[in-house]
Amino acid sequence: MVKNLNRRIKKFADKISGDNRKRLYDSQKSEMVRLETKASEDMEIIELQIKDMAQLFPPLHLPYYIIFAKEIYKKQNKFEGETLINELTILEDKWERRGLDFTLLEKIKKFYVPIYRAGLYFIMDESLLDGDKILA
């Protein structure tokens, strides 16, 4: 058991050694820079687009609309399909409850999410099955 523990300790020490860390970092550096550059460019574009969309709304709320749009961007990179729709509904509800205008939130969501723009989504409202409309 001690032999196994010593082997693990040595393996961990080798893993975090400066030379090994530098080699791993250098091998990933170009991809890391590429991804960060793309994300930074996308964030700048989002900011400019939201500033344009929110011109008629109070400037005090502008940063929050930008944050909402950036959260949509992040969700799109993480989820798809029904999960994405659910996550965006949660986001929209969160920002509406914080006082942002629902119509502008909808406009932003439709602008950035193709599935909303095309009207290709359907969410079942279970309340439709209540009362005389119960499916048997």
Protein backbone atom coordinates (compact mmCIF):
# COMPACT_ATOMS: atom_id res chain seq x y z
CA MET A 1 0.00 0.00 0.00
CA VAL A 2 2.84 2.41 0.84
CA LYS A 3 4.50 1.52 -2.47
CA ASN A 4 1.30 2.42 -4.33
CA LEU A 5 1.00 5.70 -2.41
CA ASN A 6 4.61 6.63 -3.17
CA ARG A 7 4.02 5.90 -6.86
CA ARG A 8 0.97 8.21 -6.87
CA ILE A 9 2.88 10.98 -5.11
CA LYS A 10 5.74 10.74 -7.62
CA LYS A 11 3.29 10.73 -10.53
CA PHE A 12 1.59 13.88 -9.17
CA ALA A 13 4.94 15.61 -8.57
CA ASP A 14 5.98 14.86 -12.16
CA LYS A 15 2.63 16.14 -13.41
CA ILE A 16 3.00 19.53 -11.74
CA SER A 17 6.70 20.00 -12.45
CA GLY A 18 7.59 23.25 -14.20
CA ASP A 19 8.96 21.58 -17.34
CA ASN A 20 5.87 19.43 -17.82
CA ARG A 21 3.51 22.37 -17.16
CA LYS A 22 5.40 24.53 -19.68
CA ARG A 23 5.26 21.81 -22.33
CA LEU A 24 1.50 21.34 -21.85
CA TYR A 25 0.85 25.07 -21.81
CA ASP A 26 2.95 25.69 -24.93
CA SER A 27 1.18 22.90 -26.82
CA GLN A 28 -2.24 24.42 -26.07
CA LYS A 29 -1.35 28.10 -26.27
CA SER A 30 -2.27 28.74 -29.91
CA GLU A 31 -5.71 27.12 -29.52
CA MET A 32 -6.33 29.02 -26.28
CA VAL A 33 -5.48 32.33 -27.96
CA ARG A 34 -7.69 31.49 -30.96
CA LEU A 35 -10.69 30.64 -28.76
CA GLU A 36 -10.25 33.72 -26.57
CA THR A 37 -9.89 35.96 -29.61
CA LYS A 38 -13.11 34.63 -31.13
CA ALA A 39 -15.02 34.97 -27.85
CA SER A 40 -13.74 38.53 -27.35
CA GLU A 41 -14.75 39.50 -30.89
CA ASP A 42 -18.20 37.94 -30.38
CA MET A 43 -18.66 39.81 -27.08
CA GLU A 44 -17.80 43.13 -28.74
CA ILE A 45 -20.27 42.47 -31.56
CA ILE A 46 -22.98 41.56 -29.02
CA GLU A 47 -22.39 44.81 -27.12
CA LEU A 48 -22.72 46.91 -30.28
CA GLN A 49 -25.85 45.08 -31.44
CA ILE A 50 -27.57 45.43 -28.06
CA LYS A 51 -26.70 49.12 -27.86
CA ASP A 52 -28.41 49.51 -31.22
CA MET A 53 -31.49 47.47 -30.19
CA ALA A 54 -31.93 49.16 -26.81
CA GLN A 55 -31.76 52.79 -27.94
CA LEU A 56 -35.38 53.48 -26.93
CA PHE A 57 -34.99 51.98 -23.45
CA PRO A 58 -33.47 53.56 -20.32
CA PRO A 59 -29.66 53.69 -20.64
CA LEU A 60 -29.42 52.62 -17.01
CA HIS A 61 -30.60 49.13 -18.04
CA LEU A 62 -28.28 48.78 -21.05
CA PRO A 63 -25.56 46.78 -19.21
CA TYR A 64 -28.20 44.26 -18.09
CA TYR A 65 -29.51 43.72 -21.62
CA ILE A 66 -25.91 43.18 -22.73
CA ILE A 67 -25.40 40.66 -19.92
CA PHE A 68 -28.62 38.88 -20.97
CA ALA A 69 -27.37 38.61 -24.57
CA LYS A 70 -23.96 37.33 -23.42
CA GLU A 71 -25.69 34.73 -21.25
CA ILE A 72 -27.63 33.59 -24.33
CA TYR A 73 -24.32 33.26 -26.19
CA LYS A 74 -22.89 31.10 -23.40
CA LYS A 75 -25.99 28.91 -23.20
CA GLN A 76 -25.91 28.33 -26.96
CA ASN A 77 -22.35 27.08 -26.69
CA LYS A 78 -23.31 24.70 -23.90
CA PHE A 79 -26.83 23.42 -24.71
CA GLU A 80 -29.06 22.61 -27.66
CA GLY A 81 -32.64 21.60 -28.38
CA GLU A 82 -35.20 21.53 -25.61
CA THR A 83 -32.57 22.03 -22.92
CA LEU A 84 -31.48 25.25 -24.60
CA ILE A 85 -35.10 26.43 -24.81
CA ASN A 86 -35.60 25.69 -21.10
CA GLU A 87 -32.39 27.49 -20.13
CA LEU A 88 -33.34 30.54 -22.20
CA THR A 89 -36.80 30.62 -20.64
CA ILE A 90 -35.19 30.64 -17.19
CA LEU A 91 -32.83 33.44 -18.25
CA GLU A 92 -35.62 35.51 -19.71
CA ASP A 93 -37.75 35.06 -16.58
CA LYS A 94 -34.80 36.03 -14.37
CA TRP A 95 -34.18 39.29 -16.21
CA GLU A 96 -37.86 40.15 -16.53
CA ARG A 97 -38.25 39.75 -12.75
CA ARG A 98 -35.32 42.11 -12.32
CA GLY A 99 -37.24 44.81 -14.17
CA LEU A 100 -36.11 44.53 -17.78
CA ASP A 101 -38.65 44.98 -20.56
CA PHE A 102 -40.11 41.65 -21.74
CA THR A 103 -40.54 42.81 -25.36
CA LEU A 104 -36.88 43.74 -25.66
CA LEU A 105 -35.80 40.49 -23.99
CA GLU A 106 -37.91 38.59 -26.55
CA LYS A 107 -36.44 40.64 -29.39
CA ILE A 108 -32.90 39.90 -28.21
CA LYS A 109 -33.67 36.19 -27.80
CA LYS A 110 -35.18 35.96 -31.28
CA PHE A 111 -32.25 37.86 -32.77
CA TYR A 112 -29.60 35.53 -31.35
CA VAL A 113 -31.34 32.14 -31.36
CA PRO A 114 -32.25 30.81 -34.82
CA ILE A 115 -34.81 28.34 -33.44
CA TYR A 116 -36.84 31.26 -32.04
CA ARG A 117 -36.38 33.34 -35.16
CA ALA A 118 -37.79 30.56 -37.32
CA GLY A 119 -40.57 29.69 -34.86
CA LEU A 120 -39.40 26.06 -34.83
CA TYR A 121 -40.07 25.34 -31.19
CA PHE A 122 -43.02 24.05 -29.21
CA ILE A 123 -43.41 23.84 -25.47
CA MET A 124 -46.29 21.75 -24.16
CA ASP A 125 -48.44 23.62 -21.67
CA GLU A 126 -49.69 20.91 -19.31
CA SER A 127 -52.52 23.16 -18.13
CA LEU A 128 -54.17 22.51 -21.51
CA LEU A 129 -54.86 18.99 -20.29
CA ASP A 130 -56.86 20.14 -17.23
CA GLY A 131 -60.64 20.01 -16.92
CA ASP A 132 -62.79 18.88 -19.89
CA LYS A 133 -59.72 18.83 -22.13
CA ILE A 134 -58.13 15.83 -20.41
CA LEU A 135 -56.88 13.28 -22.89
CA ALA A 136 -58.15 9.83 -22.02
